[in-house]
N, C-alpha and C. Protein backbone atom coordinates (compact mmCIF):
# COMPACT_ATOMS: atom_id res chain seq x y z
N MET A 1 14.17 -56.16 -6.59
CA MET A 1 14.80 -55.54 -5.45
C MET A 1 14.13 -56.06 -4.18
N PRO A 2 14.93 -56.47 -3.19
CA PRO A 2 14.33 -56.99 -1.96
C PRO A 2 13.59 -55.91 -1.18
N SER A 3 12.56 -56.33 -0.46
CA SER A 3 11.78 -55.38 0.33
C SER A 3 12.20 -55.37 1.79
N THR A 4 13.08 -56.31 2.18
CA THR A 4 13.56 -56.36 3.56
C THR A 4 15.08 -56.37 3.58
N LEU A 5 15.59 -56.06 4.74
CA LEU A 5 17.03 -56.08 4.98
C LEU A 5 17.26 -56.78 6.30
N ARG A 6 18.23 -57.67 6.34
CA ARG A 6 18.56 -58.39 7.57
C ARG A 6 19.58 -57.57 8.35
N VAL A 7 19.26 -57.26 9.60
CA VAL A 7 20.15 -56.47 10.44
C VAL A 7 20.38 -57.15 11.78
N LEU A 8 21.51 -56.82 12.38
CA LEU A 8 21.85 -57.25 13.73
C LEU A 8 21.61 -56.06 14.65
N LEU A 9 20.78 -56.24 15.65
CA LEU A 9 20.51 -55.18 16.62
C LEU A 9 21.69 -55.09 17.58
N ILE A 10 22.43 -53.97 17.53
CA ILE A 10 23.64 -53.83 18.34
C ILE A 10 23.46 -52.89 19.52
N ARG A 11 22.36 -52.16 19.54
CA ARG A 11 22.10 -51.21 20.63
C ARG A 11 20.60 -51.04 20.76
N LYS A 12 20.14 -50.94 22.00
CA LYS A 12 18.71 -50.70 22.23
C LYS A 12 18.60 -49.82 23.47
N LEU A 13 18.48 -48.53 23.24
CA LEU A 13 18.43 -47.57 24.33
C LEU A 13 17.01 -47.31 24.80
N SER A 14 16.03 -47.72 24.00
CA SER A 14 14.63 -47.63 24.39
C SER A 14 13.84 -48.63 23.56
N ASP A 15 12.56 -48.77 23.87
CA ASP A 15 11.72 -49.72 23.14
C ASP A 15 11.20 -49.17 21.82
N PHE A 16 11.30 -47.85 21.63
CA PHE A 16 10.84 -47.22 20.39
C PHE A 16 11.91 -46.25 19.91
N ILE A 17 12.11 -46.20 18.60
CA ILE A 17 12.97 -45.19 17.99
C ILE A 17 12.34 -44.80 16.66
N ASP A 18 12.13 -43.53 16.47
CA ASP A 18 11.54 -43.02 15.22
C ASP A 18 10.27 -43.76 14.84
N GLY A 19 9.45 -44.11 15.84
CA GLY A 19 8.19 -44.80 15.59
C GLY A 19 8.31 -46.30 15.37
N ILE A 20 9.51 -46.84 15.50
CA ILE A 20 9.72 -48.28 15.30
C ILE A 20 9.65 -48.97 16.66
N ASP A 21 8.76 -49.94 16.76
CA ASP A 21 8.56 -50.69 18.00
C ASP A 21 9.59 -51.81 18.09
N LEU A 22 10.50 -51.71 19.05
CA LEU A 22 11.54 -52.72 19.23
C LEU A 22 11.30 -53.58 20.47
N VAL A 23 10.10 -53.50 21.04
CA VAL A 23 9.80 -54.23 22.27
C VAL A 23 10.13 -55.72 22.14
N PRO A 24 9.75 -56.40 21.04
CA PRO A 24 9.99 -57.85 21.00
C PRO A 24 11.44 -58.25 20.72
N PHE A 25 12.33 -57.28 20.52
CA PHE A 25 13.70 -57.59 20.12
C PHE A 25 14.71 -57.20 21.18
N SER A 26 15.83 -57.93 21.20
CA SER A 26 16.92 -57.68 22.15
C SER A 26 18.22 -57.46 21.39
N VAL A 27 19.18 -56.81 22.05
CA VAL A 27 20.50 -56.66 21.46
C VAL A 27 21.04 -58.05 21.13
N GLY A 28 21.58 -58.19 19.94
CA GLY A 28 22.09 -59.48 19.48
C GLY A 28 21.15 -60.22 18.56
N ASP A 29 19.87 -59.79 18.50
CA ASP A 29 18.92 -60.41 17.59
C ASP A 29 19.24 -60.04 16.15
N VAL A 30 19.05 -61.00 15.26
CA VAL A 30 19.13 -60.76 13.82
C VAL A 30 17.69 -60.69 13.34
N VAL A 31 17.35 -59.57 12.67
CA VAL A 31 15.95 -59.30 12.32
C VAL A 31 15.84 -58.97 10.84
N ASP A 32 14.88 -59.59 10.16
CA ASP A 32 14.52 -59.20 8.79
C ASP A 32 13.46 -58.13 8.92
N MET A 33 13.76 -56.92 8.45
CA MET A 33 12.79 -55.82 8.57
C MET A 33 12.74 -55.02 7.28
N PRO A 34 11.66 -54.23 7.11
CA PRO A 34 11.56 -53.40 5.92
C PRO A 34 12.79 -52.49 5.79
N ILE A 35 13.20 -52.26 4.56
CA ILE A 35 14.42 -51.50 4.29
C ILE A 35 14.39 -50.13 4.96
N HIS A 36 13.27 -49.44 4.95
CA HIS A 36 13.19 -48.11 5.54
C HIS A 36 13.50 -48.15 7.04
N GLU A 37 12.88 -49.09 7.76
CA GLU A 37 13.10 -49.20 9.19
C GLU A 37 14.54 -49.63 9.49
N ALA A 38 15.05 -50.58 8.71
CA ALA A 38 16.43 -51.03 8.89
C ALA A 38 17.41 -49.88 8.66
N SER A 39 17.15 -49.06 7.66
CA SER A 39 18.01 -47.92 7.35
C SER A 39 18.01 -46.91 8.49
N LEU A 40 16.85 -46.67 9.08
CA LEU A 40 16.78 -45.75 10.22
C LEU A 40 17.59 -46.27 11.41
N LEU A 41 17.45 -47.56 11.71
CA LEU A 41 18.19 -48.14 12.82
C LEU A 41 19.70 -48.09 12.57
N MET A 42 20.10 -48.33 11.34
CA MET A 42 21.53 -48.27 11.02
C MET A 42 22.05 -46.83 11.10
N ALA A 43 21.26 -45.88 10.64
CA ALA A 43 21.67 -44.47 10.69
C ALA A 43 21.83 -43.99 12.13
N GLU A 44 21.01 -44.53 13.04
CA GLU A 44 21.08 -44.15 14.45
C GLU A 44 22.14 -44.94 15.21
N GLY A 45 22.78 -45.90 14.54
CA GLY A 45 23.81 -46.70 15.19
C GLY A 45 23.26 -47.82 16.05
N TRP A 46 22.03 -48.20 15.83
CA TRP A 46 21.38 -49.26 16.62
C TRP A 46 21.48 -50.62 15.94
N ALA A 47 21.81 -50.65 14.66
CA ALA A 47 21.85 -51.91 13.92
C ALA A 47 22.96 -51.87 12.87
N GLU A 48 23.37 -53.08 12.47
CA GLU A 48 24.35 -53.25 11.39
C GLU A 48 23.77 -54.25 10.40
N PRO A 49 24.07 -54.08 9.12
CA PRO A 49 23.57 -55.05 8.13
C PRO A 49 24.23 -56.40 8.35
N VAL A 50 23.49 -57.45 8.03
CA VAL A 50 23.99 -58.82 8.15
C VAL A 50 24.08 -59.40 6.74
N PHE A 51 25.27 -59.84 6.38
CA PHE A 51 25.46 -60.38 5.04
C PHE A 51 25.76 -61.87 5.03
N TYR A 52 26.00 -62.46 6.19
CA TYR A 52 26.35 -63.87 6.21
C TYR A 52 25.10 -64.73 6.15
N GLN A 53 25.23 -65.85 5.48
CA GLN A 53 24.08 -66.68 5.14
C GLN A 53 23.50 -67.45 6.33
N TYR A 54 24.33 -67.92 7.26
CA TYR A 54 23.79 -68.78 8.31
C TYR A 54 22.75 -68.08 9.18
N ALA A 55 22.74 -66.77 9.18
CA ALA A 55 21.77 -66.04 9.99
C ALA A 55 20.33 -66.24 9.50
N ALA A 56 20.16 -66.73 8.30
CA ALA A 56 18.82 -66.91 7.74
C ALA A 56 17.96 -67.83 8.60
N ALA A 57 18.55 -68.85 9.16
CA ALA A 57 17.78 -69.80 9.95
C ALA A 57 17.33 -69.22 11.29
N THR A 58 18.04 -68.21 11.78
CA THR A 58 17.72 -67.67 13.10
C THR A 58 17.14 -66.27 13.04
N ALA A 59 17.00 -65.70 11.87
CA ALA A 59 16.50 -64.33 11.75
C ALA A 59 15.04 -64.24 12.19
N LEU A 60 14.76 -63.21 12.96
CA LEU A 60 13.39 -62.94 13.40
C LEU A 60 12.70 -62.09 12.35
N LYS A 61 11.41 -62.26 12.22
CA LYS A 61 10.64 -61.47 11.26
C LYS A 61 10.10 -60.23 11.96
N PHE A 62 10.19 -59.10 11.31
CA PHE A 62 9.72 -57.84 11.85
C PHE A 62 8.25 -57.68 11.46
N PRO A 63 7.32 -57.75 12.42
CA PRO A 63 5.89 -57.63 12.10
C PRO A 63 5.57 -56.22 11.59
N SER A 64 4.76 -56.16 10.56
CA SER A 64 4.43 -54.86 9.96
C SER A 64 3.69 -53.94 10.92
N HIS A 65 3.03 -54.48 11.93
CA HIS A 65 2.29 -53.63 12.87
C HIS A 65 3.20 -52.99 13.91
N HIS A 66 4.52 -53.19 13.83
CA HIS A 66 5.44 -52.62 14.80
C HIS A 66 5.96 -51.25 14.40
N VAL A 67 5.37 -50.65 13.38
CA VAL A 67 5.75 -49.29 12.99
C VAL A 67 4.58 -48.39 13.30
N LYS A 68 4.85 -47.31 14.02
CA LYS A 68 3.77 -46.40 14.39
C LYS A 68 3.92 -45.09 13.66
């Protein structure tokens, strides 16, 4: 089972949500992040899952120290 989920950031109303640091990311970024954090962002309507393959080359990595 994968430990990350690739999401598209579709909304950013602040730099932090539920303890997740989004400072380095902008709306439109495709980010590989831990499933728990990705699920929270999707539940809040801030992100959508990305299933298309070409995003792999441009996906940003979510640093583990960005969760508080």
